[in-house]
N, C-alpha and C. Protein backbone atom coordinates (compact mmCIF):
# COMPACT_ATOMS: atom_id res chain seq x y z
N VAL A 1 97.59 117.58 111.85
CA VAL A 1 97.11 116.21 111.70
C VAL A 1 95.63 116.18 112.07
N GLU A 2 94.87 115.45 111.25
CA GLU A 2 93.46 115.22 111.54
C GLU A 2 93.25 113.71 111.62
N ILE A 3 92.48 113.30 112.60
CA ILE A 3 92.17 111.88 112.78
C ILE A 3 90.66 111.73 112.84
N PHE A 4 90.15 110.80 112.03
CA PHE A 4 88.72 110.54 111.98
C PHE A 4 88.49 109.05 112.24
N LEU A 5 87.50 108.75 113.04
CA LEU A 5 87.10 107.37 113.27
C LEU A 5 85.61 107.28 113.01
N ARG A 6 85.24 106.43 112.05
CA ARG A 6 83.84 106.26 111.68
C ARG A 6 83.49 104.78 111.76
N HIS A 7 82.22 104.52 112.03
CA HIS A 7 81.79 103.13 112.03
C HIS A 7 80.37 103.02 111.51
N SER A 8 80.08 101.85 111.03
CA SER A 8 78.73 101.49 110.60
C SER A 8 78.47 100.12 111.23
N PRO A 9 77.31 99.57 111.03
CA PRO A 9 77.07 98.24 111.59
C PRO A 9 78.03 97.17 111.03
N HIS A 10 78.64 97.46 109.87
CA HIS A 10 79.45 96.43 109.21
C HIS A 10 80.94 96.72 109.17
N SER A 11 81.36 97.96 109.43
CA SER A 11 82.79 98.26 109.33
C SER A 11 83.18 99.44 110.21
N ALA A 12 84.50 99.53 110.44
CA ALA A 12 85.07 100.67 111.16
C ALA A 12 86.19 101.23 110.28
N THR A 13 86.27 102.56 110.21
CA THR A 13 87.27 103.20 109.37
C THR A 13 88.04 104.23 110.19
N LEU A 14 89.36 104.14 110.10
CA LEU A 14 90.25 105.11 110.71
C LEU A 14 90.94 105.85 109.59
N GLU A 15 90.85 107.18 109.62
CA GLU A 15 91.50 108.01 108.61
C GLU A 15 92.42 109.00 109.31
N VAL A 16 93.66 109.07 108.83
CA VAL A 16 94.64 110.02 109.37
C VAL A 16 95.14 110.86 108.20
N ARG A 17 95.06 112.18 108.35
CA ARG A 17 95.51 113.10 107.31
C ARG A 17 96.47 114.12 107.90
N ASP A 18 97.45 114.50 107.11
CA ASP A 18 98.32 115.59 107.53
C ASP A 18 98.65 116.46 106.33
N ASP A 19 99.18 117.64 106.60
CA ASP A 19 99.58 118.55 105.52
C ASP A 19 101.10 118.69 105.50
N GLY A 20 101.76 117.58 105.79
CA GLY A 20 103.22 117.57 105.88
C GLY A 20 103.93 117.50 104.54
N ARG A 21 105.13 116.98 104.57
CA ARG A 21 106.00 116.94 103.40
C ARG A 21 105.61 115.87 102.39
N GLY A 22 104.92 114.84 102.83
CA GLY A 22 104.52 113.77 101.93
C GLY A 22 105.69 112.91 101.49
N PHE A 23 105.40 111.90 100.68
CA PHE A 23 106.42 110.97 100.20
C PHE A 23 105.89 110.22 98.99
N ASP A 24 106.77 109.54 98.29
CA ASP A 24 106.41 108.72 97.14
C ASP A 24 105.97 107.35 97.68
N VAL A 25 104.69 107.06 97.61
CA VAL A 25 104.14 105.84 98.19
C VAL A 25 104.74 104.60 97.52
N ARG A 26 104.83 104.60 96.21
CA ARG A 26 105.36 103.44 95.49
C ARG A 26 106.78 103.11 95.94
N ARG A 27 107.62 104.12 96.04
CA ARG A 27 109.01 103.90 96.47
C ARG A 27 109.07 103.41 97.91
N ALA A 28 108.23 103.96 98.77
CA ALA A 28 108.22 103.54 100.17
C ALA A 28 107.80 102.07 100.28
N GLU A 29 106.84 101.65 99.47
CA GLU A 29 106.40 100.25 99.52
C GLU A 29 107.44 99.31 98.93
N GLU A 30 108.23 99.78 97.98
CA GLU A 30 109.29 98.95 97.41
C GLU A 30 110.41 98.70 98.42
N ARG A 31 110.72 99.71 99.22
CA ARG A 31 111.81 99.59 100.20
C ARG A 31 111.43 98.65 101.33
N ARG A 32 110.23 98.74 101.81
CA ARG A 32 109.70 97.92 102.90
C ARG A 32 110.62 97.80 104.10
N PRO A 33 111.22 98.89 104.57
CA PRO A 33 112.08 98.77 105.75
C PRO A 33 111.26 98.68 107.04
N GLY A 34 111.76 97.96 107.99
CA GLY A 34 111.17 97.94 109.33
C GLY A 34 109.68 97.63 109.35
N MET A 35 108.94 98.43 110.09
CA MET A 35 107.53 98.19 110.31
C MET A 35 106.69 99.22 109.55
N GLY A 36 107.01 99.50 108.33
CA GLY A 36 106.34 100.54 107.56
C GLY A 36 105.01 100.14 106.95
N LEU A 37 104.79 100.61 105.73
CA LEU A 37 103.52 100.40 105.05
C LEU A 37 103.21 98.92 104.84
N PHE A 38 104.23 98.13 104.55
CA PHE A 38 104.02 96.70 104.34
C PHE A 38 103.38 96.06 105.57
N SER A 39 103.90 96.39 106.74
CA SER A 39 103.37 95.84 107.99
C SER A 39 101.95 96.32 108.25
N MET A 40 101.69 97.60 107.95
CA MET A 40 100.34 98.12 108.14
C MET A 40 99.35 97.37 107.26
N ARG A 41 99.71 97.17 105.99
CA ARG A 41 98.82 96.44 105.06
C ARG A 41 98.61 95.01 105.54
N GLU A 42 99.67 94.40 106.00
CA GLU A 42 99.60 93.01 106.47
C GLU A 42 98.65 92.88 107.66
N ARG A 43 98.76 93.79 108.62
CA ARG A 43 97.93 93.71 109.81
C ARG A 43 96.45 93.96 109.50
N VAL A 44 96.17 94.94 108.64
CA VAL A 44 94.78 95.20 108.25
C VAL A 44 94.25 94.02 107.45
N GLY A 45 95.10 93.44 106.62
CA GLY A 45 94.69 92.29 105.82
C GLY A 45 94.35 91.06 106.65
N LEU A 46 94.97 90.93 107.82
CA LEU A 46 94.69 89.78 108.68
C LEU A 46 93.24 89.73 109.14
N VAL A 47 92.57 90.87 109.14
CA VAL A 47 91.15 90.92 109.52
C VAL A 47 90.27 91.24 108.31
N ASN A 48 90.81 90.94 107.11
CA ASN A 48 90.09 91.16 105.85
C ASN A 48 89.72 92.62 105.61
N GLY A 49 90.58 93.51 106.08
CA GLY A 49 90.35 94.94 105.88
C GLY A 49 91.13 95.46 104.69
N SER A 50 91.06 96.78 104.52
CA SER A 50 91.79 97.41 103.42
C SER A 50 92.53 98.64 103.95
N LEU A 51 93.62 98.96 103.28
CA LEU A 51 94.42 100.13 103.64
C LEU A 51 94.70 100.92 102.38
N VAL A 52 94.41 102.22 102.42
CA VAL A 52 94.68 103.11 101.30
C VAL A 52 95.65 104.17 101.80
N VAL A 53 96.74 104.37 101.06
CA VAL A 53 97.72 105.40 101.41
C VAL A 53 97.86 106.32 100.20
N GLU A 54 97.60 107.60 100.42
CA GLU A 54 97.73 108.60 99.37
C GLU A 54 98.70 109.66 99.84
N SER A 55 99.72 109.91 99.03
CA SER A 55 100.71 110.92 99.38
C SER A 55 101.52 111.25 98.13
N ALA A 56 102.23 112.35 98.19
CA ALA A 56 103.15 112.75 97.14
C ALA A 56 104.13 113.74 97.75
N PRO A 57 105.38 113.73 97.27
CA PRO A 57 106.36 114.68 97.80
C PRO A 57 105.84 116.11 97.71
N GLY A 58 105.98 116.84 98.80
CA GLY A 58 105.53 118.23 98.83
C GLY A 58 104.07 118.40 99.18
N ARG A 59 103.37 117.30 99.34
CA ARG A 59 101.96 117.35 99.70
C ARG A 59 101.75 116.51 100.94
N GLY A 60 100.63 116.61 101.55
CA GLY A 60 100.34 115.84 102.76
C GLY A 60 100.12 114.37 102.48
N THR A 61 99.73 113.67 103.50
CA THR A 61 99.50 112.23 103.42
C THR A 61 98.13 111.91 104.00
N ARG A 62 97.49 110.92 103.39
CA ARG A 62 96.19 110.44 103.87
C ARG A 62 96.26 108.92 103.94
N VAL A 63 95.96 108.39 105.11
CA VAL A 63 95.95 106.94 105.31
C VAL A 63 94.56 106.56 105.81
N VAL A 64 93.93 105.59 105.13
CA VAL A 64 92.59 105.15 105.50
C VAL A 64 92.61 103.63 105.68
N ALA A 65 92.29 103.19 106.88
CA ALA A 65 92.19 101.75 107.18
C ALA A 65 90.73 101.43 107.48
N THR A 66 90.21 100.44 106.78
CA THR A 66 88.83 100.01 107.00
C THR A 66 88.83 98.53 107.32
N VAL A 67 88.14 98.17 108.39
CA VAL A 67 88.04 96.76 108.77
C VAL A 67 86.58 96.37 108.92
N PRO A 68 86.23 95.16 108.46
CA PRO A 68 84.85 94.71 108.61
C PRO A 68 84.59 94.27 110.05
N LEU A 69 83.57 94.79 110.65
CA LEU A 69 83.24 94.42 112.02
C LEU A 69 82.62 93.04 112.10
N THR A 70 81.94 92.62 111.07
CA THR A 70 81.31 91.30 111.08
C THR A 70 82.37 90.21 111.19
N GLU A 71 83.53 90.39 110.54
CA GLU A 71 84.61 89.41 110.62
C GLU A 71 85.18 89.35 112.03
N LEU A 72 85.32 90.50 112.69
CA LEU A 72 85.87 90.53 114.04
C LEU A 72 84.93 89.86 115.03
N VAL A 73 83.65 90.13 114.91
CA VAL A 73 82.67 89.51 115.80
C VAL A 73 82.65 88.00 115.58
N LYS A 74 82.71 87.61 114.32
CA LYS A 74 82.71 86.18 113.97
C LYS A 74 83.93 85.49 114.57
N ALA A 75 85.10 86.12 114.49
CA ALA A 75 86.34 85.52 115.02
C ALA A 75 86.27 85.41 116.54
N GLU A 76 85.67 86.37 117.22
CA GLU A 76 85.56 86.32 118.67
C GLU A 76 84.66 85.17 119.13
N ARG A 77 83.67 84.84 118.33
CA ARG A 77 82.73 83.77 118.69
C ARG A 77 83.34 82.39 118.50
N GLU A 78 84.33 82.28 117.62
CA GLU A 78 84.90 80.95 117.31
C GLU A 78 85.88 80.50 118.35
């Protein structure tokens, strides 16, 4: 597993990659069990961020969450 955290004056990005078994992203999003991908997208969306999930059976997985810092600072001031 590799974890990267990057930031700029306007956003923060968390990227998690692995070389594991992978999965079918479309099918996982259709099932929406428990606190899976749907919940991750929902939480990132609450701060106007984006979530990208790339995976395939037999290959690793890459998840990238990016959130705008300007929105977070603005919300803290209100």
